C-alpha atoms as a PDB file:
ATOM      1  CA  MET A   1    -125.870  51.937-302.933  1.00  0.00           C
ATOM      2  CA  ASP A   2    -127.734  54.545-300.909  1.00  0.00           C
ATOM      3  CA  LEU A   3    -129.026  51.854-298.566  1.00  0.00           C
ATOM      4  CA  VAL A   4    -125.513  50.497-298.017  1.00  0.00           C
ATOM      5  CA  HIS A   5    -124.234  54.018-297.461  1.00  0.00           C
ATOM      6  CA  SER A   6    -126.987  54.701-294.930  1.00  0.00           C
ATOM      7  CA  TRP A   7    -125.968  51.615-292.955  1.00  0.00           C
ATOM      8  CA  GLY A   8    -122.415  52.892-292.952  1.00  0.00           C
ATOM      9  CA  VAL A   9    -123.506  56.283-291.661  1.00  0.00           C
ATOM     10  CA  GLU A  10    -125.515  54.627-288.903  1.00  0.00           C
ATOM     11  CA  LEU A  11    -122.435  52.648-287.851  1.00  0.00           C
ATOM     12  CA  ALA A  12    -120.280  55.776-287.892  1.00  0.00           C
ATOM     13  CA  VAL A  13    -122.791  57.643-285.706  1.00  0.00           C
ATOM     14  CA  HIS A  14    -122.917  54.643-283.340  1.00  0.00           C
ATOM     15  CA  LEU A  15    -119.113  54.539-283.018  1.00  0.00           C
ATOM     16  CA  GLN A  16    -118.833  58.290-282.546  1.00  0.00           C
ATOM     17  CA  THR A  17    -121.508  58.202-279.850  1.00  0.00           C
ATOM     18  CA  LYS A  18    -120.509  55.074-277.935  1.00  0.00           C
ATOM     19  CA  TYR A  19    -116.738  55.488-278.211  1.00  0.00           C
ATOM     20  CA  LYS A  20    -116.427  59.275-278.133  1.00  0.00           C
ATOM     21  CA  ASP A  21    -113.770  59.022-275.414  1.00  0.00           C
ATOM     22  CA  TYR A  22    -111.528  56.984-277.725  1.00  0.00           C
ATOM     23  CA  GLU A  23    -111.011  59.665-280.369  1.00  0.00           C
ATOM     24  CA  ASP A  24    -107.251  59.803-279.759  1.00  0.00           C
ATOM     25  CA  LEU A  25    -106.946  56.029-280.066  1.00  0.00           C
ATOM     26  CA  PHE A  26    -108.848  55.985-283.354  1.00  0.00           C
ATOM     27  CA  SER A  27    -106.728  58.870-284.633  1.00  0.00           C
ATOM     28  CA  LEU A  28    -103.585  56.945-283.721  1.00  0.00           C
ATOM     29  CA  ALA A  29    -104.858  53.889-285.607  1.00  0.00           C
ATOM     30  CA  SER A  30    -105.309  55.973-288.760  1.00  0.00           C
ATOM     31  CA  VAL A  31    -101.860  57.531-288.388  1.00  0.00           C
ATOM     32  CA  VAL A  32    -100.192  54.126-287.942  1.00  0.00           C
ATOM     33  CA  ALA A  33    -102.021  52.793-291.023  1.00  0.00           C
ATOM     34  CA  ASP A  34    -100.923  55.716-293.192  1.00  0.00           C
ATOM     35  CA  LEU A  35     -98.124  54.774-295.598  1.00  0.00           C
ATOM     36  CA  HIS A  36     -96.265  57.831-294.356  1.00  0.00           C
ATOM     37  CA  THR A  37     -95.604  55.821-291.179  1.00  0.00           C
ATOM     38  CA  THR A  38     -94.306  52.922-293.257  1.00  0.00           C
ATOM     39  CA  PHE A  39     -91.855  55.105-295.185  1.00  0.00           C
ATOM     40  CA  PHE A  40     -90.707  57.241-292.255  1.00  0.00           C
ATOM     41  CA  PHE A  41     -90.793  54.752-289.361  1.00  0.00           C
ATOM     42  CA  PHE A  42     -91.184  51.052-290.213  1.00  0.00           C
ATOM     43  CA  PHE A  43     -88.879  50.951-293.245  1.00  0.00           C
ATOM     44  CA  PRO A  44     -85.675  52.255-291.562  1.00  0.00           C
ATOM     45  CA  ILE A  45     -86.063  49.651-288.834  1.00  0.00           C
ATOM     46  CA  TRP A  46     -86.746  46.721-291.120  1.00  0.00           C
ATOM     47  CA  PHE A  47     -84.149  47.714-293.723  1.00  0.00           C
ATOM     48  CA  HIS A  48     -81.350  47.471-291.157  1.00  0.00           C
ATOM     49  CA  LEU A  49     -82.884  44.574-289.244  1.00  0.00           C
ATOM     50  CA  ARG A  50     -83.661  42.429-292.275  1.00  0.00           C
ATOM     51  CA  ARG A  51     -82.961  43.948-295.671  1.00  0.00           C
ATOM     52  CA  ASP A  52     -85.231  41.651-297.726  1.00  0.00           C
ATOM     53  CA  ALA A  53     -88.203  42.409-295.477  1.00  0.00           C
ATOM     54  CA  GLY A  54     -87.542  46.134-295.815  1.00  0.00           C
ATOM     55  CA  LEU A  55     -87.537  45.878-299.601  1.00  0.00           C
ATOM     56  CA  ARG A  56     -90.769  43.869-299.624  1.00  0.00           C
ATOM     57  CA  LEU A  57     -92.297  46.473-297.326  1.00  0.00           C
ATOM     58  CA  ILE A  58     -91.723  49.266-299.841  1.00  0.00           C
ATOM     59  CA  TRP A  59     -92.722  47.272-302.916  1.00  0.00           C
ATOM     60  CA  VAL A  60     -95.936  46.057-301.281  1.00  0.00           C
ATOM     61  CA  ALA A  61     -96.766  49.569-300.067  1.00  0.00           C
ATOM     62  CA  VAL A  62     -96.067  51.228-303.431  1.00  0.00           C
ATOM     63  CA  VAL A  63     -97.676  48.623-305.685  1.00  0.00           C
ATOM     64  CA  GLY A  64    -100.653  48.177-303.350  1.00  0.00           C
ATOM     65  CA  ASP A  65    -101.300  51.907-303.142  1.00  0.00           C
ATOM     66  CA  TRP A  66    -100.866  52.284-306.910  1.00  0.00           C
ATOM     67  CA  ILE A  67    -103.572  49.644-307.409  1.00  0.00           C
ATOM     68  CA  ASN A  68    -105.697  51.479-304.857  1.00  0.00           C
ATOM     69  CA  LEU A  69    -105.335  54.776-306.734  1.00  0.00           C
ATOM     70  CA  VAL A  70    -106.268  53.209-310.070  1.00  0.00           C
ATOM     71  CA  LEU A  71    -109.307  51.495-308.529  1.00  0.00           C
ATOM     72  CA  LYS A  72    -110.572  54.581-306.752  1.00  0.00           C
ATOM     73  CA  VAL A  73    -110.107  57.075-309.601  1.00  0.00           C
ATOM     74  CA  LEU A  74    -113.835  57.239-310.281  1.00  0.00           C
ATOM     75  CA  PHE A  75    -115.641  55.534-307.461  1.00  0.00           C
ATOM     76  CA  GLY A  76    -116.390  56.018-303.824  1.00  0.00           C
ATOM     77  CA  GLU A  77    -118.413  58.535-301.928  1.00  0.00           C
ATOM     78  CA  ARG A  78    -117.228  59.514-298.472  1.00  0.00           C
ATOM     79  CA  PRO A  79    -119.617  59.689-295.497  1.00  0.00           C
ATOM     80  CA  TYR A  80    -118.764  63.248-294.490  1.00  0.00           C
ATOM     81  CA  TRP A  81    -120.043  64.653-297.788  1.00  0.00           C
ATOM     82  CA  TRP A  82    -122.542  61.950-298.822  1.00  0.00           C
ATOM     83  CA  VAL A  83    -124.721  62.585-295.785  1.00  0.00           C
ATOM     84  CA  HIS A  84    -125.165  66.212-296.884  1.00  0.00           C
ATOM     85  CA  GLU A  85    -125.902  65.535-300.557  1.00  0.00           C
ATOM     86  CA  THR A  86    -128.010  62.391-300.570  1.00  0.00           C
ATOM     87  CA  HIS A  87    -131.793  62.418-301.062  1.00  0.00           C
ATOM     88  CA  PHE A  88    -132.078  59.071-299.293  1.00  0.00           C
ATOM     89  CA  TYR A  89    -133.495  60.556-296.096  1.00  0.00           C
ATOM     90  CA  GLY A  90    -136.159  62.587-297.873  1.00  0.00           C
ATOM     91  CA  ALA A  91    -137.928  64.990-295.539  1.00  0.00           C
ATOM     92  CA  LYS A  92    -136.285  63.460-292.477  1.00  0.00           C
ATOM     93  CA  GLU A  93    -133.258  65.079-290.955  1.00  0.00           C
ATOM     94  CA  ALA A  94    -130.006  63.425-292.013  1.00  0.00           C
ATOM     95  CA  PRO A  95    -127.783  61.960-289.278  1.00  0.00           C
ATOM     96  CA  SER A  96    -125.168  64.304-287.836  1.00  0.00           C
ATOM     97  CA  LEU A  97    -121.601  63.135-288.386  1.00  0.00           C
ATOM     98  CA  GLN A  98    -118.725  64.601-286.447  1.00  0.00           C
ATOM     99  CA  GLN A  99    -115.608  65.537-288.426  1.00  0.00           C
ATOM    100  CA  PHE A 100    -111.964  65.499-287.371  1.00  0.00           C
ATOM    101  CA  ALA A 101    -108.673  66.886-288.653  1.00  0.00           C
ATOM    102  CA  ILE A 102    -108.017  63.706-290.664  1.00  0.00           C
ATOM    103  CA  THR A 103    -111.575  63.256-291.968  1.00  0.00           C
ATOM    104  CA  CYS A 104    -111.505  65.435-295.064  1.00  0.00           C
ATOM    105  CA  GLU A 105    -109.501  63.435-297.565  1.00  0.00           C
ATOM    106  CA  THR A 106    -109.992  64.741-301.082  1.00  0.00           C
ATOM    107  CA  GLY A 107    -109.922  61.575-303.201  1.00  0.00           C
ATOM    108  CA  PRO A 108    -112.665  59.014-303.854  1.00  0.00           C
ATOM    109  CA  GLY A 109    -113.259  56.630-300.976  1.00  0.00           C
ATOM    110  CA  SER A 110    -113.340  53.109-302.410  1.00  0.00           C
ATOM    111  CA  PRO A 111    -111.353  51.094-301.580  1.00  0.00           C
ATOM    112  CA  SER A 112    -109.796  52.436-298.400  1.00  0.00           C
ATOM    113  CA  GLY A 113    -106.114  53.219-298.843  1.00  0.00           C
ATOM    114  CA  HIS A 114    -105.451  53.035-295.104  1.00  0.00           C
ATOM    115  CA  ALA A 115    -106.972  49.558-294.879  1.00  0.00           C
ATOM    116  CA  MET A 116    -105.052  48.419-297.960  1.00  0.00           C
ATOM    117  CA  GLY A 117    -101.775  49.816-296.677  1.00  0.00           C
ATOM    118  CA  ALA A 118    -102.170  48.372-293.196  1.00  0.00           C
ATOM    119  CA  ALA A 119    -103.116  44.923-294.510  1.00  0.00           C
ATOM    120  CA  GLY A 120    -100.126  44.697-296.847  1.00  0.00           C
ATOM    121  CA  VAL A 121     -97.543  46.215-294.516  1.00  0.00           C
ATOM    122  CA  TRP A 122     -98.523  44.194-291.453  1.00  0.00           C
ATOM    123  CA  TYR A 123     -98.635  40.992-293.501  1.00  0.00           C
ATOM    124  CA  VAL A 124     -95.026  41.605-294.560  1.00  0.00           C
ATOM    125  CA  MET A 125     -93.913  42.339-290.994  1.00  0.00           C
ATOM    126  CA  VAL A 126     -95.650  39.328-289.463  1.00  0.00           C
ATOM    127  CA  THR A 127     -94.315  36.906-292.071  1.00  0.00           C
ATOM    128  CA  ALA A 128     -90.825  38.409-291.656  1.00  0.00           C
ATOM    129  CA  VAL A 129     -90.875  37.761-287.902  1.00  0.00           C
ATOM    130  CA  LEU A 130     -92.009  34.174-288.476  1.00  0.00           C
ATOM    131  CA  GLN A 131     -89.292  33.671-291.078  1.00  0.00           C
ATOM    132  CA  MET A 132     -86.638  35.041-288.708  1.00  0.00           C
ATOM    133  CA  ALA A 133     -87.782  32.629-286.010  1.00  0.00           C
ATOM    134  CA  ALA A 134     -87.615  29.721-288.444  1.00  0.00           C
ATOM    135  CA  GLU A 135     -84.104  30.642-289.611  1.00  0.00           C
ATOM    136  CA  LYS A 136     -82.797  30.641-286.060  1.00  0.00           C
ATOM    137  CA  ARG A 137     -83.576  26.926-285.973  1.00  0.00           C
ATOM    138  CA  CYS A 138     -86.417  27.684-283.670  1.00  0.00           C
ATOM    139  CA  PRO A 139     -89.514  26.837-285.693  1.00  0.00           C
ATOM    140  CA  PRO A 140     -92.241  29.285-284.675  1.00  0.00           C
ATOM    141  CA  SER A 141     -94.663  27.637-282.307  1.00  0.00           C
ATOM    142  CA  ARG A 142     -98.373  27.618-282.810  1.00  0.00           C
ATOM    143  CA  LEU A 143     -98.632  30.088-279.947  1.00  0.00           C
ATOM    144  CA  LEU A 144     -96.269  32.567-281.627  1.00  0.00           C
ATOM    145  CA  ARG A 145     -98.124  32.246-284.918  1.00  0.00           C
ATOM    146  CA  LEU A 146    -101.441  32.705-283.157  1.00  0.00           C
ATOM    147  CA  VAL A 147    -100.232  35.758-281.223  1.00  0.00           C
ATOM    148  CA  LEU A 148     -98.817  37.466-284.332  1.00  0.00           C
ATOM    149  CA  TRP A 149    -101.826  36.807-286.566  1.00  0.00           C
ATOM    150  CA  VAL A 150    -104.248  37.839-283.804  1.00  0.00           C
ATOM    151  CA  LEU A 151    -102.199  41.016-283.277  1.00  0.00           C
ATOM    152  CA  MET A 152    -102.402  41.759-286.996  1.00  0.00           C
ATOM    153  CA  GLY A 153    -106.146  41.090-286.939  1.00  0.00           C
ATOM    154  CA  LEU A 154    -106.625  43.483-284.019  1.00  0.00           C
ATOM    155  CA  VAL A 155    -104.580  46.176-285.764  1.00  0.00           C
ATOM    156  CA  LEU A 156    -106.641  45.835-288.943  1.00  0.00           C
ATOM    157  CA  LEU A 157    -109.871  45.871-286.937  1.00  0.00           C
ATOM    158  CA  GLY A 158    -108.727  49.043-285.211  1.00  0.00           C
ATOM    159  CA  VAL A 159    -107.811  50.657-288.536  1.00  0.00           C
ATOM    160  CA  CYS A 160    -111.144  49.739-290.123  1.00  0.00           C
ATOM    161  CA  MET A 161    -113.096  51.030-287.131  1.00  0.00           C
ATOM    162  CA  SER A 162    -110.988  54.179-287.136  1.00  0.00           C
ATOM    163  CA  ARG A 163    -111.735  55.009-290.769  1.00  0.00           C
ATOM    164  CA  VAL A 164    -115.475  54.570-290.177  1.00  0.00           C
ATOM    165  CA  TYR A 165    -115.322  56.493-286.877  1.00  0.00           C
ATOM    166  CA  MET A 166    -113.578  59.387-288.617  1.00  0.00           C
ATOM    167  CA  ALA A 167    -116.372  59.471-291.247  1.00  0.00           C
ATOM    168  CA  ALA A 168    -113.709  59.089-293.938  1.00  0.00           C
ATOM    169  CA  HIS A 169    -114.961  55.727-295.231  1.00  0.00           C
ATOM    170  CA  PHE A 170    -117.976  53.472-295.328  1.00  0.00           C
ATOM    171  CA  PRO A 171    -117.589  49.943-293.877  1.00  0.00           C
ATOM    172  CA  HIS A 172    -117.682  48.218-297.276  1.00  0.00           C
ATOM    173  CA  GLN A 173    -114.829  50.439-298.459  1.00  0.00           C
ATOM    174  CA  VAL A 174    -112.489  49.410-295.647  1.00  0.00           C
ATOM    175  CA  LEU A 175    -113.393  45.755-296.146  1.00  0.00           C
ATOM    176  CA  ALA A 176    -112.571  46.089-299.851  1.00  0.00           C
ATOM    177  CA  GLY A 177    -109.213  47.562-298.880  1.00  0.00           C
ATOM    178  CA  LEU A 178    -108.147  44.431-297.019  1.00  0.00           C
ATOM    179  CA  VAL A 179    -107.606  42.579-300.305  1.00  0.00           C
ATOM    180  CA  THR A 180    -104.092  44.079-300.379  1.00  0.00           C
ATOM    181  CA  VAL A 181    -103.041  41.033-298.393  1.00  0.00           C
ATOM    182  CA  MET A 182    -103.138  39.200-301.728  1.00  0.00           C
ATOM    183  CA  VAL A 183    -100.721  41.760-303.208  1.00  0.00           C
ATOM    184  CA  ALA A 184     -98.391  41.216-300.247  1.00  0.00           C
ATOM    185  CA  GLU A 185     -98.533  37.444-300.727  1.00  0.00           C
ATOM    186  CA  VAL A 186     -97.726  37.770-304.435  1.00  0.00           C
ATOM    187  CA  MET A 187     -94.846  40.173-303.783  1.00  0.00           C
ATOM    188  CA  SER A 188     -93.404  37.801-301.158  1.00  0.00           C
ATOM    189  CA  LYS A 189     -92.859  35.272-303.943  1.00  0.00           C
ATOM    190  CA  VAL A 190     -91.258  37.770-306.351  1.00  0.00           C
ATOM    191  CA  LYS A 191     -87.486  37.339-306.112  1.00  0.00           C
ATOM    192  CA  TRP A 192     -86.212  39.854-308.663  1.00  0.00           C
ATOM    193  CA  ILE A 193     -87.041  42.846-306.447  1.00  0.00           C
ATOM    194  CA  HIS A 194     -84.155  41.892-304.137  1.00  0.00           C
ATOM    195  CA  GLY A 195     -81.576  42.245-306.887  1.00  0.00           C
ATOM    196  CA  ALA A 196     -83.225  44.804-309.143  1.00  0.00           C
ATOM    197  CA  SER A 197     -80.900  47.300-310.821  1.00  0.00           C
ATOM    198  CA  PHE A 198     -81.332  51.049-310.593  1.00  0.00           C
ATOM    199  CA  GLY A 199     -82.525  50.963-314.196  1.00  0.00           C
ATOM    200  CA  THR A 200     -85.305  48.598-313.162  1.00  0.00           C
ATOM    201  CA  TYR A 201     -86.366  50.952-310.377  1.00  0.00           C
ATOM    202  CA  ALA A 202     -86.319  53.956-312.706  1.00  0.00           C
ATOM    203  CA  PHE A 203     -88.211  52.084-315.429  1.00  0.00           C
ATOM    204  CA  THR A 204     -90.838  50.798-312.979  1.00  0.00           C
ATOM    205  CA  THR A 205     -91.303  54.296-311.565  1.00  0.00           C
ATOM    206  CA  LEU A 206     -91.749  55.727-315.069  1.00  0.00           C
ATOM    207  CA  LEU A 207     -94.036  52.893-316.158  1.00  0.00           C
ATOM    208  CA  LEU A 208     -96.411  53.115-313.186  1.00  0.00           C
ATOM    209  CA  THR A 209     -96.504  56.905-313.373  1.00  0.00           C
ATOM    210  CA  SER A 210     -97.100  56.911-317.137  1.00  0.00           C
ATOM    211  CA  PHE A 211     -99.907  54.390-316.895  1.00  0.00           C
ATOM    212  CA  ALA A 212    -101.695  56.329-314.160  1.00  0.00           C
ATOM    213  CA  VAL A 213    -101.263  59.673-315.922  1.00  0.00           C
ATOM    214  CA  GLY A 214    -102.283  58.140-319.264  1.00  0.00           C
ATOM    215  CA  PHE A 215    -105.403  56.695-317.672  1.00  0.00           C
ATOM    216  CA  TYR A 216    -106.169  60.120-316.207  1.00  0.00           C
ATOM    217  CA  LEU A 217    -105.746  61.844-319.584  1.00  0.00           C
ATOM    218  CA  LEU A 218    -107.896  59.246-321.349  1.00  0.00           C
ATOM    219  CA  LEU A 219    -110.728  59.763-318.895  1.00  0.00           C
ATOM    220  CA  LYS A 220    -110.353  63.525-319.186  1.00  0.00           C
ATOM    221  CA  ILE A 221    -110.631  63.277-322.983  1.00  0.00           C
ATOM    222  CA  LEU A 222    -113.808  61.241-322.481  1.00  0.00           C
ATOM    223  CA  GLY A 223    -115.204  64.096-320.420  1.00  0.00           C
ATOM    224  CA  VAL A 224    -114.812  62.523-316.982  1.00  0.00           C
ATOM    225  CA  ASP A 225    -114.051  64.992-314.198  1.00  0.00           C
ATOM    226  CA  LEU A 226    -111.450  63.319-312.000  1.00  0.00           C
ATOM    227  CA  LEU A 227    -111.457  66.178-309.501  1.00  0.00           C
ATOM    228  CA  TRP A 228    -115.134  65.771-308.643  1.00  0.00           C
ATOM    229  CA  THR A 229    -114.277  64.800-305.082  1.00  0.00           C
ATOM    230  CA  LEU A 230    -112.100  67.855-304.425  1.00  0.00           C
ATOM    231  CA  GLU A 231    -115.069  70.185-304.810  1.00  0.00           C
ATOM    232  CA  LYS A 232    -117.118  68.054-302.443  1.00  0.00           C
ATOM    233  CA  ALA A 233    -114.334  68.029-299.845  1.00  0.00           C
ATOM    234  CA  GLN A 234    -113.919  71.799-300.007  1.00  0.00           C
ATOM    235  CA  ARG A 235    -117.674  72.320-299.794  1.00  0.00           C
ATOM    236  CA  TRP A 236    -118.564  69.972-296.954  1.00  0.00           C
ATOM    237  CA  CYS A 237    -115.484  69.848-294.758  1.00  0.00           C
ATOM    238  CA  ALA A 238    -116.149  71.519-291.414  1.00  0.00           C
ATOM    239  CA  ARG A 239    -112.898  73.497-291.589  1.00  0.00           C
ATOM    240  CA  ALA A 240    -111.085  74.697-294.685  1.00  0.00           C
ATOM    241  CA  GLU A 241    -107.668  73.929-293.140  1.00  0.00           C
ATOM    242  CA  TRP A 242    -108.621  70.240-292.852  1.00  0.00           C
ATOM    243  CA  VAL A 243    -108.734  69.879-296.643  1.00  0.00           C
ATOM    244  CA  HIS A 244    -105.239  68.802-297.672  1.00  0.00           C
ATOM    245  CA  MET A 245    -104.039  68.646-301.257  1.00  0.00           C
ATOM    246  CA  ASP A 246    -101.586  65.897-300.326  1.00  0.00           C
ATOM    247  CA  SER A 247    -104.526  63.490-300.077  1.00  0.00           C
ATOM    248  CA  THR A 248    -105.453  63.852-303.759  1.00  0.00           C
ATOM    249  CA  PRO A 249    -104.798  60.755-305.898  1.00  0.00           C
ATOM    250  CA  PHE A 250    -102.116  62.461-308.003  1.00  0.00           C
ATOM    251  CA  ALA A 251    -100.216  63.675-304.930  1.00  0.00           C
ATOM    252  CA  SER A 252    -100.309  60.147-303.510  1.00  0.00           C
ATOM    253  CA  LEU A 253     -99.084  58.737-306.818  1.00  0.00           C
ATOM    254  CA  LEU A 254     -96.063  61.045-306.925  1.00  0.00           C
ATOM    255  CA  ARG A 255     -95.213  60.359-303.273  1.00  0.00           C
ATOM    256  CA  ASN A 256     -95.214  56.624-303.902  1.00  0.00           C
ATOM    257  CA  MET A 257     -93.223  56.905-307.109  1.00  0.00           C
ATOM    258  CA  GLY A 258     -90.736  59.184-305.355  1.00  0.00           C
ATOM    259  CA  SER A 259     -90.337  56.566-302.629  1.00  0.00           C
ATOM    260  CA  LEU A 260     -89.680  53.797-305.148  1.00  0.00           C
ATOM    261  CA  PHE A 261     -87.205  55.951-307.083  1.00  0.00           C
ATOM    262  CA  GLY A 262     -85.439  56.957-303.854  1.00  0.00           C
ATOM    263  CA  LEU A 263     -85.160  53.326-302.794  1.00  0.00           C
ATOM    264  CA  GLY A 264     -83.514  52.356-306.070  1.00  0.00           C
ATOM    265  CA  LEU A 265     -81.157  55.323-305.914  1.00  0.00           C
ATOM    266  CA  GLY A 266     -80.198  54.565-302.329  1.00  0.00           C
ATOM    267  CA  LEU A 267     -79.588  50.876-302.914  1.00  0.00           C
ATOM    268  CA  HIS A 268     -77.300  51.560-305.872  1.00  0.00           C
ATOM    269  CA  SER A 269     -75.367  54.546-304.558  1.00  0.00           C
ATOM    270  CA  SER A 270     -72.823  52.102-303.063  1.00  0.00           C
ATOM    271  CA  PRO A 271     -72.828  53.513-299.526  1.00  0.00           C
ATOM    272  CA  ALA A 272     -70.238  52.218-297.094  1.00  0.00           C
ATOM    273  CA  ARG A 273     -72.047  49.943-294.655  1.00  0.00           C
ATOM    274  CA  GLY A 274     -71.028  48.255-291.437  1.00  0.00           C
ATOM    275  CA  THR A 275     -72.336  44.864-290.462  1.00  0.00           C
ATOM    276  CA  SER A 276     -72.293  45.006-286.690  1.00  0.00           C
ATOM    277  CA  ALA A 277     -75.482  45.187-284.667  1.00  0.00           C
ATOM    278  CA  ALA A 278     -74.261  48.450-283.109  1.00  0.00           C
ATOM    279  CA  PHE A 279     -73.747  50.038-286.532  1.00  0.00           C
ATOM    280  CA  LYS A 280     -77.208  48.993-287.691  1.00  0.00           C
ATOM    281  CA  ALA A 281     -78.766  50.312-284.474  1.00  0.00           C
ATOM    282  CA  TRP A 282     -77.063  53.668-284.973  1.00  0.00           C
ATOM    283  CA  CYS A 283     -78.248  53.713-288.571  1.00  0.00           C
ATOM    284  CA  VAL A 284     -81.836  53.295-287.397  1.00  0.00           C
ATOM    285  CA  VAL A 285     -81.502  56.010-284.737  1.00  0.00           C
ATOM    286  CA  THR A 286     -79.766  58.429-287.117  1.00  0.00           C
ATOM    287  CA  SER A 287     -82.307  57.744-289.859  1.00  0.00           C
ATOM    288  CA  GLN A 288     -85.229  58.399-287.536  1.00  0.00           C
ATOM    289  CA  GLY A 289     -83.698  61.692-286.437  1.00  0.00           C
ATOM    290  CA  LEU A 290     -83.034  62.872-289.983  1.00  0.00           C
ATOM    291  CA  LEU A 291     -86.465  61.721-291.158  1.00  0.00           C
ATOM    292  CA  GLY A 292     -88.024  63.679-288.312  1.00  0.00           C
ATOM    293  CA  LEU A 293     -86.315  66.808-289.593  1.00  0.00           C
ATOM    294  CA  LEU A 294     -87.363  66.036-293.172  1.00  0.00           C
ATOM    295  CA  ASP A 295     -90.935  65.430-292.081  1.00  0.00           C
ATOM    296  CA  SER A 296     -91.077  68.867-290.479  1.00  0.00           C
ATOM    297  CA  TRP A 297     -90.509  70.429-293.899  1.00  0.00           C
ATOM    298  CA  THR A 298     -93.860  71.440-295.355  1.00  0.00           C
ATOM    299  CA  PHE A 299     -94.668  73.457-298.455  1.00  0.00           C
ATOM    300  CA  SER A 300     -97.587  75.353-299.907  1.00  0.00           C
ATOM    301  CA  SER A 301     -99.950  73.799-302.447  1.00  0.00           C
ATOM    302  CA  GLU A 302    -100.763  77.113-304.128  1.00  0.00           C
ATOM    303  CA  ASN A 303     -98.470  76.237-307.042  1.00  0.00           C
ATOM    304  CA  LEU A 304     -99.546  72.671-307.834  1.00  0.00           C
ATOM    305  CA  VAL A 305     -96.670  71.865-310.199  1.00  0.00           C
ATOM    306  CA  LEU A 306     -94.102  72.918-307.607  1.00  0.00           C
ATOM    307  CA  PHE A 307     -96.069  71.134-304.869  1.00  0.00           C
ATOM    308  CA  TYR A 308     -96.097  67.834-306.772  1.00  0.00           C
ATOM    309  CA  CYS A 309     -92.391  68.095-307.663  1.00  0.00           C
ATOM    310  CA  LEU A 310     -91.449  68.793-304.053  1.00  0.00           C
ATOM    311  CA  SER A 311     -93.635  65.900-302.881  1.00  0.00           C
ATOM    312  CA  PHE A 312     -91.788  63.560-305.242  1.00  0.00           C
ATOM    313  CA  GLY A 313     -88.404  64.872-304.114  1.00  0.00           C
ATOM    314  CA  LYS A 314     -89.209  64.710-300.412  1.00  0.00           C
ATOM    315  CA  SER A 315     -90.387  61.101-300.731  1.00  0.00           C
ATOM    316  CA  ALA A 316     -87.237  60.140-302.637  1.00  0.00           C
ATOM    317  CA  VAL A 317     -84.994  61.693-299.977  1.00  0.00           C
ATOM    318  CA  ALA A 318     -86.977  59.887-297.257  1.00  0.00           C
ATOM    319  CA  LEU A 319     -85.861  56.542-298.709  1.00  0.00           C
ATOM    320  CA  LEU A 320     -82.328  57.770-299.474  1.00  0.00           C
ATOM    321  CA  ILE A 321     -81.703  58.596-295.824  1.00  0.00           C
ATOM    322  CA  PRO A 322     -81.868  55.071-294.320  1.00  0.00           C
ATOM    323  CA  THR A 323     -80.462  53.280-297.373  1.00  0.00           C
ATOM    324  CA  ALA A 324     -77.490  55.532-298.160  1.00  0.00           C
ATOM    325  CA  LEU A 325     -77.116  58.875-296.385  1.00  0.00           C
ATOM    326  CA  ALA A 326     -77.250  57.700-292.765  1.00  0.00           C
ATOM    327  CA  PRO A 327     -74.902  54.686-293.248  1.00  0.00           C
ATOM    328  CA  ARG A 328     -72.423  56.790-295.227  1.00  0.00           C
ATOM    329  CA  ALA A 329     -72.440  59.585-292.634  1.00  0.00           C
ATOM    330  CA  LEU A 330     -71.863  57.128-289.783  1.00  0.00           C
ATOM    331  CA  CYS A 331     -69.018  55.431-291.623  1.00  0.00           C
ATOM    332  CA  TRP A 332     -67.433  58.814-292.301  1.00  0.00           C
ATOM    333  CA  MET A 333     -67.700  59.837-288.633  1.00  0.00           C
ATOM    334  CA  SER A 334     -66.385  56.452-287.499  1.00  0.00           C
ATOM    335  CA  THR A 335     -63.393  56.733-289.808  1.00  0.00           C
ATOM    336  CA  ARG A 336     -62.543  60.209-288.544  1.00  0.00           C
ATOM    337  CA  GLY A 337     -63.110  59.393-284.888  1.00  0.00           C
ATOM    338  CA  ALA A 338     -61.439  55.989-284.742  1.00  0.00           C
ATOM    339  CA  GLY A 339     -58.397  56.636-286.860  1.00  0.00           C
ATOM    340  CA  GLY A 340     -59.639  54.719-289.886  1.00  0.00           C
ATOM    341  CA  LYS A 341     -61.387  51.920-287.997  1.00  0.00           C
ATOM    342  CA  ASN A 342     -64.937  51.148-289.064  1.00  0.00           C
ATOM    343  CA  LEU A 343     -67.762  50.415-286.727  1.00  0.00           C
END
C-alpha cells in the first residue's frame, strides 16, 4: 500500500501547489459534504418541501455513515500523518504537505465519510427533483436529467478533490466512499421507513449503537487498539486546536444515532402542522434560525462521557426542531395572532 499512498501524496502536493488560490473553495466543498450540513441545512428544506425525500435523506445519511464507521474501524492511514511515519522514501526527504483547520480528523481514513455522505445525500436530492417533475405531469426531459446528474458528478468531483487537497484522505479512499450511492438506491426502495413507528426508530437506534459498541468491545478484548489514530492525529497535526474529538468514530456514531432518534421523536410527537406553502416556508426559515442558534452551542471534550451524551442530545434536538418544535411554535403564534385561525 505504500506505493499507492505515495501516489496519493504526490497528487495532494500537486493540488496544493497548482490550486493554492482555491483553498476556500475546497474548504467549502468539504463543509457542504459534511453530514452536519445535511442535518442542519438540507433536511429542514426537504422535510417541508417533500416529506418522503426528507426522511430518505436522514436514513441514507445515518445508515451510510454507520456502514462507513464499521468499515473504517481498523483501516486507513491519512496522508497528513502517513507522510511523517512511512519509511517508503528512505533517505530522501518526504514531500511536504500543507495542513488546514479541517485536515486533522482523528478516525481512520478508509473509506472517506465525506465522499460517502455526499454521494448518498446528493443521489437522494437529485432523484427527488426528478420524481417531483414526473409527478407534475411533466416528465423530466433528457436535458434536465443530464443537468442534474452532471451537477451531482461535479459536486462529488469537488468533494473528492477537496479531501485529497486537504491531506485528509488518499484518492483511493474517496473513491471507495462513493459506493454509498448503492445504499441510497437500496433505501429508495424501502417503504417502511415512511410509516415507521417511534418504537421502530428507538429499536433501530439501539440496535445500530449496540452492534457498533459490541464490535468495539470485541476488538478491544482481542487486544486491538481502536484509538490508534487519535495518537497519530495529536502527534502530527500542525496545531493542537485542529484536533477535534467530534471526528472520532464513536462521536460520529452517537451524533448519527441521536439524529435518527430525534427524527423518530419529532415525527411522532403529533405537532400541529399547516399545509400551505407559506406555512412550510416559515417552518424552513424558523428551523434554520433555531438550528443556527443550536449550532453555536459548543461544549468541552475534557469529560468524554458528558461530551458524548451532549453530542447525542444536540443531534436529537437538531432533528426535533424542523419536525416538531418549529411547526408547533408557528401554529401557536398563528393561533394567538389570528384569533384562532391557522396559517
